[in-house]
Protein backbone atom coordinates (compact mmCIF):
# COMPACT_ATOMS: atom_id res chain seq x y z
CA MET A 1 84.94 165.29 71.63
CA THR A 2 86.62 165.61 68.18
CA GLY A 3 85.64 168.73 66.30
CA LEU A 4 84.38 170.72 69.27
CA LEU A 5 87.51 173.15 69.04
CA GLN A 6 87.97 172.92 65.40
CA HIS A 7 90.02 175.93 64.05
CA ARG A 8 90.34 177.40 67.49
CA ASP A 9 93.53 178.55 69.09
CA VAL A 10 93.97 177.27 72.69
CA LEU A 11 96.69 178.44 75.24
CA VAL A 12 97.46 175.98 78.08
CA VAL A 13 99.79 177.36 80.64
CA GLY A 14 101.46 174.93 82.87
CA ARG A 15 104.20 172.45 83.29
CA GLY A 16 104.63 169.87 80.62
CA GLY A 17 103.39 166.89 82.60
CA GLY A 18 100.16 165.67 84.42
CA ILE A 19 97.09 167.79 84.07
CA ALA A 20 98.50 170.58 81.72
CA ARG A 21 99.82 167.93 79.21
CA THR A 22 96.54 166.04 79.27
CA VAL A 23 94.49 169.14 78.76
CA ALA A 24 96.76 170.25 75.76
CA ILE A 25 96.37 166.99 74.08
CA ALA A 26 92.70 166.72 74.66
CA ALA A 27 92.13 170.18 73.26
CA ARG A 28 94.34 169.25 70.13
CA ASP A 29 92.41 165.98 69.68
CA ALA A 30 89.12 168.13 69.75
CA GLY A 31 90.42 170.13 66.71
CA ALA A 32 92.31 173.00 68.38
CA ARG A 33 95.67 174.45 67.54
CA VAL A 34 97.37 174.40 70.93
CA ILE A 35 100.08 176.70 72.31
CA ALA A 36 101.65 175.13 75.47
CA ALA A 37 103.33 177.78 77.55
CA GLY A 38 105.55 177.74 80.63
CA ARG A 39 108.78 179.03 82.17
CA HIS A 40 110.88 176.45 80.46
CA GLN A 41 109.97 176.47 76.88
CA GLU A 42 113.00 174.27 75.93
CA ALA A 43 111.65 171.56 78.23
CA LEU A 44 108.18 171.92 76.83
CA ALA A 45 109.53 171.64 73.28
CA GLU A 46 111.01 168.26 74.09
CA ILE A 47 107.83 167.05 75.77
CA TYR A 48 105.62 167.97 73.01
CA ALA A 49 108.06 166.93 70.16
CA GLY A 50 106.14 165.05 67.51
CA GLU A 51 102.75 166.10 68.66
CA PRO A 52 101.02 167.78 65.68
CA ASP A 53 99.28 171.08 66.09
CA ILE A 54 100.94 171.77 69.42
CA THR A 55 103.52 174.54 69.60
CA THR A 56 105.37 175.94 72.64
CA ALA A 57 105.88 179.41 74.05
CA SER A 58 107.60 181.07 77.02
CA VAL A 59 105.68 182.86 79.90
CA ASP A 60 106.34 183.47 83.53
CA LEU A 61 103.18 184.04 85.36
CA THR A 62 104.95 186.00 88.15
CA ASP A 63 106.16 188.56 85.62
CA GLU A 64 103.62 190.82 83.97
CA ALA A 65 105.93 191.88 81.26
CA SER A 66 106.38 188.27 80.24
CA ILE A 67 102.63 187.86 80.10
CA SER A 68 102.27 191.02 78.02
CA ALA A 69 105.03 189.97 75.64
CA LEU A 70 103.19 186.49 75.17
CA GLY A 71 100.08 188.28 74.40
CA GLU A 72 102.00 190.37 71.74
CA ARG A 73 103.38 187.12 70.16
CA LEU A 74 100.11 185.31 70.16
CA GLY A 75 98.11 188.08 68.47
CA THR A 76 94.59 186.54 68.71
CA ILE A 77 93.40 183.63 70.77
CA ASP A 78 90.22 181.82 71.41
CA HIS A 79 90.53 179.99 74.86
CA VAL A 80 92.99 180.25 77.71
CA VAL A 81 93.70 177.63 80.35
CA SER A 82 95.91 178.32 83.38
CA ALA A 83 96.80 175.27 85.02
CA VAL A 84 99.82 176.44 86.93
CA SER A 85 100.23 176.22 90.77
CA ALA A 86 102.88 176.64 93.49
CA ARG A 87 101.63 175.02 96.74
CA ALA A 88 102.46 176.26 100.14
CA ARG A 89 101.70 173.43 102.50
CA GLY A 90 102.06 173.37 106.25
CA ARG A 91 100.61 174.38 109.61
CA LEU A 92 100.36 178.12 110.30
CA ALA A 93 103.59 178.18 112.47
CA ASP A 94 105.54 176.56 109.66
CA LEU A 95 104.30 178.57 106.75
CA ASP A 96 106.94 180.54 104.84
CA ARG A 97 105.75 183.97 103.64
CA ASP A 98 107.62 183.79 100.32
CA ALA A 99 105.99 180.46 99.64
CA VAL A 100 102.63 181.82 100.39
CA ARG A 101 103.25 184.87 98.24
CA LEU A 102 104.42 182.67 95.37
CA SER A 103 101.21 180.49 95.73
CA PHE A 104 99.05 183.54 95.23
CA ASP A 105 101.32 185.08 92.57
CA THR A 106 101.16 181.94 90.56
CA LYS A 107 97.46 180.84 90.85
CA VAL A 108 95.62 184.17 91.44
CA ILE A 109 97.66 187.19 90.27
CA GLY A 110 99.21 185.54 87.33
CA PRO A 111 95.90 184.38 85.99
CA LEU A 112 94.48 187.83 86.70
CA MET A 113 97.25 189.26 84.53
CA LEU A 114 96.71 186.73 81.88
CA ALA A 115 93.17 187.98 81.73
CA LYS A 116 94.16 191.56 81.61
CA HIS A 117 96.55 191.09 78.55
CA LEU A 118 94.76 188.24 76.61
CA ALA A 119 91.10 188.95 77.04
CA PRO A 120 91.41 192.08 74.65
CA ARG A 121 92.81 189.62 72.06
CA MET A 122 90.21 186.97 72.30
CA ARG A 123 87.71 186.18 69.45
CA ALA A 124 84.04 185.86 69.84
CA GLY A 125 83.13 182.98 71.88
CA GLY A 126 86.26 182.92 73.88
CA SER A 127 86.82 181.57 77.32
CA ILE A 128 89.24 181.52 80.25
CA THR A 129 89.54 178.45 82.50
CA LEU A 130 91.27 178.75 85.83
CA PHE A 131 92.10 176.20 88.51
CA SER A 132 91.01 176.22 92.04
CA GLY A 133 90.91 173.00 94.23
CA ALA A 134 89.00 170.92 96.77
CA ALA A 135 91.00 172.37 99.69
CA ALA A 136 88.99 175.49 99.31
CA THR A 137 85.75 173.71 100.34
CA LYS A 138 87.14 171.02 102.52
CA LEU A 139 89.33 172.72 105.12
CA ALA A 140 91.99 170.70 106.91
CA VAL A 141 94.88 171.67 109.26
CA GLY A 142 97.97 171.84 107.17
CA THR A 143 96.43 173.15 104.07
CA LEU A 144 95.63 176.75 105.21
CA ALA A 145 97.55 178.46 102.44
CA VAL A 146 96.32 176.09 99.74
CA ALA A 147 92.79 176.66 100.93
CA ILE A 148 92.91 180.51 100.69
CA THR A 149 94.77 180.46 97.41
CA ASN A 150 92.08 178.22 95.82
CA GLY A 151 89.29 180.31 97.44
CA ALA A 152 90.79 183.39 95.88
CA ALA A 153 90.82 181.63 92.46
CA ASP A 154 87.12 180.87 92.83
CA VAL A 155 86.38 184.60 93.42
CA LEU A 156 88.57 185.58 90.70
CA ALA A 157 86.67 183.34 88.15
CA ARG A 158 83.41 184.79 89.13
CA SER A 159 84.61 188.36 89.16
CA LEU A 160 86.21 188.00 85.83
CA ALA A 161 83.19 186.34 84.38
CA LEU A 162 81.17 189.50 85.39
CA GLU A 163 83.72 192.10 84.20
CA LEU A 164 84.87 190.36 80.98
CA ALA A 165 81.42 189.23 79.66
CA PRO A 166 80.61 187.94 77.12
CA ILE A 167 84.11 186.18 77.47
CA ARG A 168 83.24 183.19 79.61
CA VAL A 169 85.31 182.54 82.70
CA ASN A 170 85.09 179.39 84.85
CA ALA A 171 87.26 177.41 87.33
CA ILE A 172 88.04 173.73 87.60
CA SER A 173 88.38 172.36 91.24
CA PRO A 174 90.20 169.06 91.36
CA GLY A 175 90.27 166.70 94.22
CA VAL A 176 92.94 164.06 94.74
CA ILE A 177 94.24 163.31 91.12
CA ASP A 178 96.80 160.78 90.22
CA THR A 179 99.69 162.97 88.96
CA GLY A 180 103.31 162.98 89.65
CA ALA A 181 102.62 165.52 92.47
CA TRP A 182 102.11 162.67 94.91
CA ASP A 183 105.16 160.64 94.10
CA SER A 184 107.16 162.54 96.76
CA LEU A 185 105.36 160.65 99.38
CA GLY A 186 107.09 157.45 98.36
CA GLU A 187 105.40 154.43 96.78
CA GLU A 188 104.10 152.93 99.98
CA ALA A 189 102.77 156.19 101.50
CA LYS A 190 101.24 157.13 98.27
CA ALA A 191 99.47 153.82 97.90
CA SER A 192 98.17 154.11 101.43
CA TYR A 193 96.92 157.65 100.99
CA PHE A 194 95.16 156.88 97.73
CA ALA A 195 93.45 153.84 99.24
CA ASP A 196 92.28 155.95 102.12
CA VAL A 197 90.79 158.61 99.87
CA SER A 198 89.22 156.07 97.58
CA THR A 199 87.61 154.35 100.47
CA ARG A 200 85.98 157.55 101.73
CA ASN A 201 84.99 159.58 98.71
CA PRO A 202 81.60 158.69 97.00
CA ALA A 203 83.26 157.98 93.70
CA ARG A 204 85.32 155.27 95.31
CA ARG A 205 88.36 155.92 93.27
CA ILE A 206 91.07 158.56 92.68
CA GLY A 207 90.75 160.97 89.97
CA THR A 208 92.79 160.93 86.62
CA PRO A 209 94.21 163.85 84.54
CA HIS A 210 91.68 162.67 81.77
CA ASP A 211 88.84 163.54 84.34
CA ILE A 212 90.15 167.08 84.64
CA ALA A 213 90.78 167.49 80.88
CA ASN A 214 87.22 166.54 80.14
CA ALA A 215 85.98 169.01 82.62
CA VAL A 216 88.10 171.73 80.91
CA LEU A 217 86.84 170.78 77.47
CA PHE A 218 83.24 171.17 78.87
CA ALA A 219 84.04 174.60 80.23
CA MET A 220 85.55 175.73 76.92
CA THR A 221 82.87 174.44 74.72
CA SER A 222 79.73 175.12 76.75
CA PRO A 223 78.53 178.59 75.72
CA PHE A 224 75.94 179.05 78.48
CA VAL A 225 78.36 178.18 81.37
CA THR A 226 80.28 181.03 82.91
CA GLY A 227 81.31 182.20 86.47
CA VAL A 228 81.21 178.77 87.94
CA THR A 229 83.68 176.52 89.82
CA LEU A 230 83.20 172.93 88.58
CA PRO A 231 84.16 170.46 91.15
CA VAL A 232 85.91 167.38 89.75
CA ASP A 233 86.68 165.72 93.07
CA GLY A 234 84.72 162.45 93.44
CA GLY A 235 82.59 164.20 95.98
CA GLU A 236 85.56 164.37 98.44
CA PRO A 237 84.34 167.50 100.18
CA LEU A 238 81.19 165.72 101.30
CA THR A 239 83.12 163.37 103.41
């Protein structure tokens, strides 16, 4: 992939680990100058210390003024990747209104505001890549809020692709990916869950952050791809 993003400026919004970090490094390795942004810039600066061509910035996707200020600081940009999420899991009776609101604010409204303030600053050939998720297409009890948030992100990507054309807008829809998000299950429960998913999905394995980063690079560097949600889920929704 080296050189596909040569001399391009890529903004990656997300936490400093897992998928966001892998995407940032992959974009840098493809030749980009990367700005890694999130709510905790000091923590990001530590995480990316020693990584050439990756700088850090502060932004809060739940605060439009913060997004506008980021745009002012950036000036111009080529590609934007929003990899932030705030999951609200649980059955209907247990869902907390504030958690559901935060889920939408982070994964739908926040990226919408990113597009509002950064699209006018994009150079020719620019793109926006959002994140959806397999829960939008494989419904299950206990993931209602996750499913509707991801479904809204899918619609957002298509709507923005139409309104912002020729800026390209796409969404990546991960399945079960081996990031730190699953560590809270405990080592034994996590291993059991991963084994079950690997047995059922057609890919017969769990996804990695590199699988997702490769898909993001594809979305950013494919000039005839826009308005699509790209599943990177091992075929899990088929089961």
